[in-house]
């Protein structure tokens, strides 16, 4: 699917996919000192603070994190739902960008992140990454995390297992070639997860990550609206979903330049999950 077709496809599918979002509280990815994932002793007591904007995908029960880093990797366990939130020291948040990389918008997003010395996660599509491998190399150089967002951004719930595996595997191979290592995270297009996606992702060594705050920037609602959604939704543990491709993302670029300094001035630590193994 080409870049300018993605927006039309997303509009057609988003209504049906929204029904996949089950009610509940957020699945939590625990981050320890230095952003290394660790296993929490127990879920936090009492209700968690909820952002003003609710996510358009899963809101899940709190889940455990990871074992401390090991010298020898172990197989990734198969999960039944994606992580949606992070927990760490202080006011930790994660910024994520989907559908790229796009040479029209991704460089500007990387420039802003570099200016404020902030790292983010980029869930890339293989058909975009294969033609923009220099941007993946830059992400590696600047400490960003690159995740797998399938090859052509299909609705996984309508595909066979063989097709899902192909979408994931081809993308992981391109990421490894350009980024320098295979991805350890994946995100289902449209937030449409199924059992096959979780199983195949685990087989390829990846953990599933969703989001807490959806900026809905793909609808091009205006820069001010995107900024307001991020600022109102900001809270410890929030994972923000934005896009750097799939349509005109100039609003997303401008919004980042406005809300990022606000988040930093408000005391938020913008971080990324690191490698699970030393």
Protein backbone atom coordinates (compact mmCIF):
# COMPACT_ATOMS: atom_id res chain seq x y z
CA UNK A 1 0.00 0.00 0.00
CA UNK A 2 1.40 3.39 -0.99
CA UNK A 3 1.73 6.34 1.36
CA UNK A 4 -1.14 8.40 -0.09
CA UNK A 5 -3.45 5.34 -0.03
CA UNK A 6 -2.89 4.61 3.64
CA UNK A 7 -5.06 7.46 4.92
CA UNK A 8 -8.05 6.33 2.85
CA UNK A 9 -7.63 2.73 4.01
CA UNK A 10 -7.31 3.83 7.63
CA UNK A 11 -10.53 5.91 7.46
CA UNK A 12 -12.40 2.91 6.03
CA UNK A 13 -11.19 0.50 8.69
CA UNK A 14 -10.90 2.56 11.84
CA UNK A 15 -14.57 2.25 12.74
CA UNK A 16 -14.49 -1.52 12.78
CA UNK A 17 -11.15 -1.72 14.54
CA UNK A 18 -12.30 0.55 17.37
CA UNK A 19 -14.59 -2.25 18.50
CA UNK A 20 -11.49 -4.25 19.39
CA UNK A 21 -10.68 -1.92 22.30
CA UNK A 22 -11.73 -3.76 25.44
CA UNK A 23 -12.54 -1.80 28.60
CA UNK A 24 -10.23 -2.06 31.60
CA UNK A 25 -6.98 -0.62 32.92
CA UNK A 26 -3.65 -0.39 31.16
CA UNK A 27 -1.12 -3.16 30.59
CA UNK A 28 2.08 -1.90 32.17
CA UNK A 29 5.63 -2.21 30.87
CA UNK A 30 7.96 -1.71 33.81
CA UNK A 31 11.20 0.24 33.34
CA UNK A 32 13.93 0.18 35.96
CA UNK A 33 16.97 2.35 36.55
CA UNK A 34 18.65 3.39 33.33
CA UNK A 35 15.44 2.48 31.52
CA UNK A 36 16.21 -1.24 31.73
CA UNK A 37 12.99 -3.31 31.96
CA UNK A 38 12.50 -5.10 35.30
CA UNK A 39 9.72 -7.12 36.87
CA UNK A 40 7.67 -5.08 39.39
CA UNK A 41 6.89 -6.60 42.77
CA UNK A 42 3.14 -6.05 42.33
CA UNK A 43 0.67 -3.80 40.49
CA UNK A 44 0.30 -0.36 42.03
CA UNK A 45 -2.54 -0.11 44.54
CA UNK A 46 -5.54 2.09 43.91
CA UNK A 47 -6.88 3.52 40.64
CA UNK A 48 -4.38 4.79 38.09
CA UNK A 49 -4.61 8.32 36.81
CA UNK A 50 -6.38 8.34 33.45
CA UNK A 51 -5.50 10.78 30.66
CA UNK A 52 -8.18 13.06 29.30
CA UNK A 53 -8.05 11.30 25.92
CA UNK A 54 -8.84 7.60 26.02
CA UNK A 55 -6.95 5.24 23.69
CA UNK A 56 -8.63 3.78 20.63
CA UNK A 57 -7.10 0.36 21.25
CA UNK A 58 -6.73 -1.95 24.24
CA UNK A 59 -6.99 -0.76 27.83
CA UNK A 60 -5.76 -3.72 29.80
CA UNK A 61 -5.23 -5.18 33.23
CA UNK A 62 -1.81 -4.39 34.77
CA UNK A 63 0.78 -6.90 33.64
CA UNK A 64 4.23 -7.87 34.90
CA UNK A 65 7.37 -6.64 33.21
CA UNK A 66 10.58 -8.53 32.52
CA UNK A 67 13.33 -10.40 34.30
CA UNK A 68 16.61 -8.52 34.82
CA UNK A 69 18.96 -8.54 31.80
CA UNK A 70 20.67 -11.88 31.21
CA UNK A 71 23.86 -12.77 29.44
CA UNK A 72 22.06 -15.33 27.25
CA UNK A 73 18.74 -14.41 25.57
CA UNK A 74 15.66 -16.45 26.38
CA UNK A 75 12.68 -16.95 24.04
CA UNK A 76 10.08 -14.21 24.17
CA UNK A 77 6.94 -15.38 26.00
CA UNK A 78 3.67 -15.23 24.10
CA UNK A 79 1.42 -12.51 25.50
CA UNK A 80 -2.33 -12.28 25.09
CA UNK A 81 -2.50 -8.48 24.99
CA UNK A 82 -0.08 -5.64 24.22
CA UNK A 83 1.62 -3.40 26.72
CA UNK A 84 -0.12 -0.04 26.88
CA UNK A 85 1.64 1.90 29.62
CA UNK A 86 5.13 2.10 31.11
CA UNK A 87 6.16 2.47 34.72
CA UNK A 88 9.48 3.84 35.90
CA UNK A 89 11.16 6.26 38.22
CA UNK A 90 9.65 9.70 38.19
CA UNK A 91 7.33 11.03 35.52
CA UNK A 92 8.19 8.72 32.63
CA UNK A 93 6.54 8.92 29.21
CA UNK A 94 7.20 7.37 25.80
CA UNK A 95 6.64 9.06 22.42
CA UNK A 96 5.96 6.75 19.47
CA UNK A 97 5.62 7.44 15.74
CA UNK A 98 4.01 5.02 13.28
CA UNK A 99 3.93 4.27 9.55
CA UNK A 100 7.29 5.76 8.47
CA UNK A 101 9.92 6.56 7.78
CA UNK A 102 8.93 9.31 5.35
CA UNK A 103 11.68 11.60 4.01
CA UNK A 104 9.24 14.53 4.01
CA UNK A 105 8.47 14.43 7.74
CA UNK A 106 10.67 11.97 9.65
CA UNK A 107 13.87 14.09 9.38
CA UNK A 108 12.10 17.08 10.93
CA UNK A 109 10.84 14.92 13.81
CA UNK A 110 14.34 13.55 14.34
CA UNK A 111 15.74 17.09 14.30
CA UNK A 112 13.35 18.17 17.06
CA UNK A 113 14.11 15.12 19.17
CA UNK A 114 17.84 15.76 18.74
CA UNK A 115 17.46 19.42 19.69
CA UNK A 116 15.94 18.44 23.03
CA UNK A 117 18.11 15.32 23.44
CA UNK A 118 15.07 13.06 23.60
CA UNK A 119 14.71 9.52 22.28
CA UNK A 120 11.54 8.02 20.85
CA UNK A 121 10.18 4.83 19.30
CA UNK A 122 9.48 4.51 15.57
CA UNK A 123 7.23 1.67 14.41
CA UNK A 124 8.13 1.43 10.75
CA UNK A 125 6.48 -0.23 7.77
CA UNK A 126 8.77 -2.36 5.64
CA UNK A 127 7.69 -0.86 2.33
CA UNK A 128 8.63 2.58 3.66
CA UNK A 129 11.81 1.46 5.41
CA UNK A 130 13.27 -0.34 2.41
CA UNK A 131 13.45 2.93 0.46
CA UNK A 132 14.60 5.06 3.41
CA UNK A 133 17.22 2.96 5.11
CA UNK A 134 19.37 6.03 5.76
CA UNK A 135 16.70 7.27 8.18
CA UNK A 136 16.77 3.98 10.09
CA UNK A 137 20.54 4.26 10.31
CA UNK A 138 20.13 7.77 11.72
CA UNK A 139 17.64 6.49 14.29
CA UNK A 140 20.22 3.93 15.39
CA UNK A 141 22.95 6.56 15.62
CA UNK A 142 20.76 8.85 17.73
CA UNK A 143 19.57 6.19 20.16
CA UNK A 144 15.97 5.76 19.05
CA UNK A 145 14.17 2.41 19.14
CA UNK A 146 12.79 1.01 15.89
CA UNK A 147 9.85 -1.38 16.03
CA UNK A 148 8.03 -3.53 13.48
CA UNK A 149 4.71 -2.22 12.08
CA UNK A 150 4.41 -4.87 9.32
CA UNK A 151 5.35 -4.49 5.68
CA UNK A 152 2.26 -2.97 4.07
CA UNK A 153 0.09 -1.91 7.05
CA UNK A 154 -2.71 -4.46 6.54
CA UNK A 155 -5.51 -5.39 8.91
CA UNK A 156 -3.97 -8.48 10.49
CA UNK A 157 -7.29 -9.93 11.61
CA UNK A 158 -8.16 -10.53 7.95
CA UNK A 159 -4.92 -12.32 7.03
CA UNK A 160 -3.74 -15.91 7.21
CA UNK A 161 -0.96 -16.85 9.63
CA UNK A 162 1.42 -17.26 6.71
CA UNK A 163 0.68 -13.77 5.44
CA UNK A 164 1.05 -12.22 8.91
CA UNK A 165 4.38 -13.93 9.36
CA UNK A 166 5.57 -12.70 5.97
CA UNK A 167 4.51 -9.12 6.79
CA UNK A 168 6.45 -9.23 10.06
CA UNK A 169 9.49 -11.21 8.92
CA UNK A 170 10.21 -9.10 5.81
CA UNK A 171 10.02 -5.94 7.88
CA UNK A 172 12.31 -7.31 10.59
CA UNK A 173 14.88 -8.20 7.94
CA UNK A 174 14.88 -4.69 6.48
CA UNK A 175 15.17 -3.18 9.97
CA UNK A 176 18.10 -5.45 10.80
CA UNK A 177 19.92 -4.48 7.60
CA UNK A 178 19.45 -0.73 8.06
CA UNK A 179 19.22 -0.29 11.83
CA UNK A 180 21.82 -2.86 12.78
CA UNK A 181 19.71 -5.25 14.85
CA UNK A 182 16.38 -7.00 14.66
CA UNK A 183 13.42 -5.23 16.26
CA UNK A 184 12.31 -6.30 19.72
CA UNK A 185 8.94 -4.53 19.56
CA UNK A 186 5.98 -4.66 17.22
CA UNK A 187 2.68 -2.84 16.89
CA UNK A 188 -0.32 -4.13 14.96
CA UNK A 189 -1.68 -1.76 12.29
CA UNK A 190 -4.89 -0.05 13.39
CA UNK A 191 -4.39 -1.55 16.85
CA UNK A 192 -6.01 -4.75 15.54
CA UNK A 193 -4.39 -7.62 17.46
CA UNK A 194 -5.20 -11.30 17.30
CA UNK A 195 -3.74 -14.53 18.66
CA UNK A 196 -1.68 -15.17 15.54
CA UNK A 197 -0.09 -11.73 15.75
CA UNK A 198 0.97 -12.30 19.36
CA UNK A 199 2.29 -15.79 18.66
CA UNK A 200 4.17 -14.92 15.48
CA UNK A 201 5.57 -11.74 16.98
CA UNK A 202 6.94 -13.76 19.90
CA UNK A 203 8.44 -16.31 17.52
CA UNK A 204 10.31 -13.46 15.85
CA UNK A 205 11.57 -12.20 19.21
CA UNK A 206 9.27 -9.20 19.58
CA UNK A 207 7.07 -7.82 22.36
CA UNK A 208 3.73 -6.08 21.55
CA UNK A 209 3.31 -2.41 22.46
CA UNK A 210 0.10 -0.41 22.02
CA UNK A 211 -0.51 3.12 23.36
CA UNK A 212 -2.29 5.13 26.04
CA UNK A 213 -2.92 8.48 24.33
CA UNK A 214 -3.94 8.57 20.67
CA UNK A 215 -3.33 12.00 19.13
CA UNK A 216 -5.46 10.99 16.13
CA UNK A 217 -3.09 13.11 14.08
CA UNK A 218 -3.84 10.94 11.05
CA UNK A 219 -7.17 12.80 10.81
CA UNK A 220 -5.22 16.11 10.49
CA UNK A 221 -7.31 17.79 13.22
CA UNK A 222 -5.00 20.82 13.43
CA UNK A 223 -1.74 21.46 15.23
CA UNK A 224 -3.42 22.99 18.29
CA UNK A 225 -5.69 19.98 18.72
CA UNK A 226 -2.79 17.54 18.57
CA UNK A 227 -0.86 19.61 21.11
CA UNK A 228 -3.87 19.80 23.42
CA UNK A 229 -4.43 16.04 23.27
CA UNK A 230 -0.84 15.32 24.27
CA UNK A 231 -0.69 17.96 27.00
CA UNK A 232 -4.07 17.01 28.48
CA UNK A 233 -3.25 13.31 28.28
CA UNK A 234 0.21 13.60 29.81
CA UNK A 235 0.64 11.46 32.93
CA UNK A 236 3.27 9.13 34.36
CA UNK A 237 3.45 5.96 32.29
CA UNK A 238 1.70 7.30 29.19
CA UNK A 239 2.63 6.04 25.72
CA UNK A 240 1.73 8.61 23.05
CA UNK A 241 0.78 7.56 19.52
CA UNK A 242 1.61 9.89 16.61
CA UNK A 243 2.55 9.37 12.96
CA UNK A 244 5.45 10.43 10.77
CA UNK A 245 4.02 9.00 7.53
CA UNK A 246 0.83 7.77 5.89
CA UNK A 247 -0.32 11.19 4.71
CA UNK A 248 0.43 14.87 5.28
CA UNK A 249 2.16 14.92 8.66
CA UNK A 250 3.16 18.59 8.76
CA UNK A 251 0.74 19.13 11.68
CA UNK A 252 2.42 16.32 13.61
CA UNK A 253 5.83 17.89 12.99
CA UNK A 254 4.69 21.31 14.21
CA UNK A 255 2.84 19.83 17.19
CA UNK A 256 5.93 18.00 18.42
CA UNK A 257 7.88 21.25 18.48
CA UNK A 258 5.23 22.71 20.78
CA UNK A 259 4.37 19.90 23.17
CA UNK A 260 7.84 18.43 23.65
CA UNK A 261 9.31 21.44 25.49
CA UNK A 262 6.08 21.66 27.50
CA UNK A 263 6.45 18.05 28.64
CA UNK A 264 10.09 18.54 29.57
CA UNK A 265 9.37 21.78 31.43
CA UNK A 266 6.61 19.93 33.30
CA UNK A 267 9.14 17.43 34.61
CA UNK A 268 8.45 14.48 32.35
CA UNK A 269 11.26 12.09 31.45
CA UNK A 270 10.79 11.08 27.81
CA UNK A 271 12.44 7.70 27.37
CA UNK A 272 12.39 4.40 25.48
CA UNK A 273 12.58 0.77 26.61
CA UNK A 274 16.05 -0.59 26.12
CA UNK A 275 17.29 -3.99 25.01
CA UNK A 276 16.03 -6.76 27.25
CA UNK A 277 19.41 -8.46 27.37
CA UNK A 278 22.90 -7.13 28.03
